Protein backbone atom coordinates (compact mmCIF):
# COMPACT_ATOMS: atom_id res chain seq x y z
CA UNK A 1 -0.16 0.02 -0.14
CA UNK A 2 3.00 2.24 1.00
CA UNK A 3 4.35 1.99 -2.72
CA UNK A 4 1.35 2.78 -4.04
CA UNK A 5 0.44 5.90 -2.05
CA UNK A 6 3.75 6.75 -3.59
CA UNK A 7 2.89 5.98 -6.84
CA UNK A 8 -0.18 8.52 -6.39
CA UNK A 9 1.90 11.38 -5.53
CA UNK A 10 4.31 10.99 -8.65
CA UNK A 11 7.06 8.92 -6.47
CA UNK A 12 8.37 5.87 -8.58
CA UNK A 13 10.26 3.36 -6.87
CA UNK A 14 10.55 -0.33 -7.01
CA UNK A 15 8.38 -2.42 -3.93
CA UNK A 16 11.97 -3.76 -3.01
CA UNK A 17 13.25 -0.05 -2.19
CA UNK A 18 10.24 0.85 -0.51
CA UNK A 19 10.19 -2.52 1.71
CA UNK A 20 14.30 -1.87 2.19
CA UNK A 21 13.30 1.52 3.59
CA UNK A 22 10.50 0.87 5.68
CA UNK A 23 11.56 -2.53 7.14
CA UNK A 24 15.59 -2.36 7.31
CA UNK A 25 16.30 1.31 7.68
CA UNK A 26 13.30 2.76 9.42
CA UNK A 27 12.21 -0.75 11.74
CA UNK A 28 8.89 0.08 10.40
CA UNK A 29 5.92 -3.41 10.05
CA UNK A 30 3.01 -3.15 8.15
CA UNK A 31 -0.65 -3.24 9.84
CA UNK A 32 -2.10 -6.85 9.47
CA UNK A 33 -5.30 -8.02 9.95
CA UNK A 34 -6.97 -10.54 12.26
CA UNK A 35 -8.97 -13.46 11.05
CA UNK A 36 -12.08 -13.24 11.79
CA UNK A 37 -13.84 -15.96 13.01
CA UNK A 38 -17.88 -15.93 12.23
CA UNK A 39 -20.67 -17.39 13.80
CA UNK A 40 -24.22 -17.95 13.11
CA UNK A 41 -27.12 -17.44 15.69
CA UNK A 42 -30.85 -17.37 14.42
CA UNK A 43 -31.88 -13.43 15.31
CA UNK A 44 -35.66 -12.39 16.24
CA UNK A 45 -38.51 -12.98 13.66
CA UNK A 46 -38.48 -10.57 10.45
CA UNK A 47 -41.01 -8.77 9.54
CA UNK A 48 -40.19 -9.25 5.63
CA UNK A 49 -37.26 -10.51 4.01
CA UNK A 50 -35.67 -9.66 0.72
CA UNK A 51 -34.32 -11.52 -2.10
CA UNK A 52 -30.36 -11.90 -2.69
CA UNK A 53 -30.16 -9.08 -5.84
CA UNK A 54 -26.39 -9.05 -5.54
CA UNK A 55 -25.54 -12.46 -5.30
CA UNK A 56 -22.28 -11.38 -5.03
CA UNK A 57 -21.92 -9.05 -7.47
CA UNK A 58 -20.33 -6.14 -6.07
CA UNK A 59 -19.87 -4.08 -9.36
CA UNK A 60 -21.73 -1.08 -10.19
CA UNK A 61 -21.82 1.34 -13.13
CA UNK A 62 -22.49 4.31 -11.75
CA UNK A 63 -22.46 5.83 -8.23
CA UNK A 64 -25.55 5.27 -5.90
CA UNK A 65 -26.77 2.09 -7.65
CA UNK A 66 -25.66 -0.08 -5.41
CA UNK A 67 -24.87 0.33 -1.85
CA UNK A 68 -24.16 -2.27 1.25
CA UNK A 69 -24.78 -1.85 4.79
CA UNK A 70 -23.64 -2.91 7.98
CA UNK A 71 -23.04 -2.48 11.71
CA UNK A 72 -19.89 -3.50 13.55
CA UNK A 73 -18.61 -2.87 17.60
CA UNK A 74 -16.69 -0.23 18.71
CA UNK A 75 -14.76 -0.85 21.85
CA UNK A 76 -13.54 1.71 24.14
CA UNK A 77 -10.43 1.95 26.79
CA UNK A 78 -12.76 0.54 30.01
CA UNK A 79 -13.92 -2.46 27.96
CA UNK A 80 -17.61 -0.64 27.09
CA UNK A 81 -18.92 -1.37 23.84
CA UNK A 82 -20.28 1.28 21.09
CA UNK A 83 -21.57 0.99 17.60
CA UNK A 84 -21.46 1.76 14.59
CA UNK A 85 -23.18 1.94 10.72
CA UNK A 86 -21.97 2.57 7.28
CA UNK A 87 -22.95 2.48 3.63
CA UNK A 88 -19.95 1.58 1.18
CA UNK A 89 -20.86 2.55 -2.70
CA UNK A 90 -20.17 -0.83 -4.54
CA UNK A 91 -19.00 1.67 -7.66
CA UNK A 92 -16.14 3.04 -5.94
CA UNK A 93 -15.56 1.66 -2.91
CA UNK A 94 -16.44 5.07 -0.87
CA UNK A 95 -17.81 5.31 2.54
CA UNK A 96 -21.14 7.07 1.94
CA UNK A 97 -22.04 7.18 5.44
CA UNK A 98 -20.88 6.78 8.77
CA UNK A 99 -23.49 6.84 11.76
CA UNK A 100 -22.09 5.88 15.33
CA UNK A 101 -23.89 5.46 18.91
CA UNK A 102 -25.00 3.21 21.94
CA UNK A 103 -27.23 1.28 20.38
CA UNK A 104 -27.26 -1.44 17.51
CA UNK A 105 -31.30 -0.92 16.42
CA UNK A 106 -33.71 0.40 13.68
CA UNK A 107 -32.97 4.22 14.31
CA UNK A 108 -29.14 4.05 13.71
CA UNK A 109 -29.63 2.17 10.82
CA UNK A 110 -32.11 4.46 9.40
CA UNK A 111 -30.05 7.62 10.48
CA UNK A 112 -27.55 6.28 8.59
CA UNK A 113 -29.25 5.58 5.43
CA UNK A 114 -30.88 9.02 6.21
CA UNK A 115 -27.10 10.65 6.17
CA UNK A 116 -26.37 8.67 3.06
CA UNK A 117 -29.17 10.36 1.16
CA UNK A 118 -28.40 13.61 2.02
CA UNK A 119 -24.87 13.33 1.13
CA UNK A 120 -25.87 11.62 -2.57
CA UNK A 121 -27.74 14.64 -2.84
CA UNK A 122 -30.93 13.49 -2.39
CA UNK A 123 -30.47 10.93 -5.10
CA UNK A 124 -32.93 7.18 -4.87
CA UNK A 125 -33.24 4.32 -6.57
CA UNK A 126 -30.61 2.48 -5.20
CA UNK A 127 -30.55 -1.35 -4.28
CA UNK A 128 -29.52 -1.48 -0.71
CA UNK A 129 -27.64 -4.69 0.22
CA UNK A 130 -27.66 -5.95 4.41
CA UNK A 131 -27.57 -9.08 6.11
CA UNK A 132 -30.83 -10.73 7.97
CA UNK A 133 -30.10 -8.82 11.06
CA UNK A 134 -33.52 -7.41 12.75
CA UNK A 135 -32.52 -4.05 12.74
CA UNK A 136 -33.17 -4.15 8.58
CA UNK A 137 -36.01 -7.30 8.38
CA UNK A 138 -38.07 -5.14 10.74
CA UNK A 139 -41.73 -3.24 9.61
CA UNK A 140 -40.20 -0.05 10.33
CA UNK A 141 -36.64 -0.34 8.41
CA UNK A 142 -38.27 -1.75 5.28
CA UNK A 143 -41.13 0.41 5.36
CA UNK A 144 -38.63 3.24 5.64
CA UNK A 145 -36.72 1.99 2.62
CA UNK A 146 -40.17 1.50 0.45
CA UNK A 147 -40.84 4.88 1.00
CA UNK A 148 -37.77 6.57 -0.06
CA UNK A 149 -37.23 4.38 -3.34
CA UNK A 150 -35.23 1.88 -1.94
CA UNK A 151 -34.66 -1.39 -3.39
CA UNK A 152 -33.77 -3.99 0.18
CA UNK A 153 -31.65 -7.02 -1.29
CA UNK A 154 -30.42 -9.22 1.88
CA UNK A 155 -27.76 -12.11 2.15
CA UNK A 156 -28.45 -15.71 2.83
CA UNK A 157 -28.73 -16.87 6.42
CA UNK A 158 -24.91 -17.04 7.95
CA UNK A 159 -23.22 -16.41 5.21
CA UNK A 160 -20.94 -13.06 5.71
CA UNK A 161 -19.08 -13.45 2.43
CA UNK A 162 -22.50 -12.39 0.90
CA UNK A 163 -22.20 -8.69 2.15
CA UNK A 164 -18.12 -9.05 1.67
CA UNK A 165 -17.17 -5.61 1.03
CA UNK A 166 -18.67 -4.13 4.47
CA UNK A 167 -16.74 -6.89 6.00
CA UNK A 168 -13.58 -5.91 4.64
CA UNK A 169 -14.08 -2.02 5.56
CA UNK A 170 -14.66 -2.94 8.95
CA UNK A 171 -11.66 -4.76 8.95
CA UNK A 172 -9.71 -2.69 7.61
CA UNK A 173 -11.08 -0.09 9.86
CA UNK A 174 -10.17 -1.85 13.02
CA UNK A 175 -7.16 -3.09 11.95
CA UNK A 176 -6.27 0.49 11.08
CA UNK A 177 -8.03 2.48 14.03
CA UNK A 178 -10.01 0.64 16.54
CA UNK A 179 -7.30 -1.90 17.51
CA UNK A 180 -4.55 0.60 17.90
CA UNK A 181 -6.08 3.27 19.90
CA UNK A 182 -6.95 3.46 23.20
CA UNK A 183 -9.94 5.38 23.11
CA UNK A 184 -11.40 7.05 26.61
CA UNK A 185 -14.52 8.50 25.42
CA UNK A 186 -17.09 7.68 23.21
CA UNK A 187 -16.33 11.58 21.75
CA UNK A 188 -13.42 11.19 21.09
CA UNK A 189 -13.41 7.90 19.32
CA UNK A 190 -16.99 8.94 17.25
CA UNK A 191 -14.69 11.84 16.02
CA UNK A 192 -11.79 9.38 14.90
CA UNK A 193 -14.37 6.71 13.10
CA UNK A 194 -15.72 9.10 11.24
CA UNK A 195 -12.45 10.81 10.19
CA UNK A 196 -11.08 7.73 9.65
CA UNK A 197 -13.90 7.04 6.95
CA UNK A 198 -14.46 10.28 5.33
CA UNK A 199 -11.12 11.65 5.62
CA UNK A 200 -8.18 8.51 5.27
CA UNK A 201 -10.59 5.95 3.53
CA UNK A 202 -12.57 7.92 1.16
CA UNK A 203 -9.84 10.47 0.18
CA UNK A 204 -5.98 8.91 0.13
CA UNK A 205 -5.68 5.56 1.49
CA UNK A 206 -5.21 3.15 -1.98
CA UNK A 207 -7.87 0.42 -2.99
CA UNK A 208 -8.07 -2.32 -4.74
CA UNK A 209 -10.70 -2.27 -6.35
CA UNK A 210 -9.71 0.91 -8.06
CA UNK A 211 -6.76 -0.13 -9.02
CA UNK A 212 -4.71 1.46 -6.41
CA UNK A 213 -6.81 4.66 -6.85
CA UNK A 214 -8.99 6.07 -3.13
CA UNK A 215 -12.18 6.24 -3.64
CA UNK A 216 -12.70 9.79 -4.15
CA UNK A 217 -10.53 10.48 -7.40
CA UNK A 218 -12.47 7.51 -8.93
CA UNK A 219 -14.45 9.81 -11.77
């Protein structure tokens, strides 16, 4: 990734040279992702379950046509838990919306979609892919999507790979930020999480889906 970042800045070096400077001369080590273990527990009875319209086709020909949404846990220094709900655009892998909260509920999901719609200029009509969590299958959320012209799509039960882009983003967020920092307050953590999403991830971090170009620089 460091080689790609230098290349994006117009600095031409070989991968071996970058590795030599980082590992040998500066003693730097790359951040490695922890292997995630998946488990499946049947949740609350769903009001409505949507078909898997994406079927792992994680590509899009235009912005705001295919979005993925999911929740993840955030951890405070004292062991407390907070939650983040994020939406990724499958066209360029940008984070369209990132919203944090104390509850992992339907309200957090709706607030995230509302923020995404606002940040996308009110454009609607997209497919919104999620897992089958009770927050997304509830009557409140499904009615909300219908009212805003959003078509829901859902992963198969117990199959996180059906929403792989979200899994990868959250894994990266935790490896590069959450697991490397000790957050004493939720206010500080929430600011850092959103700064990571909108600042670093969208605007500076090379993304393999875009051939090394940050999402915000994709035309």
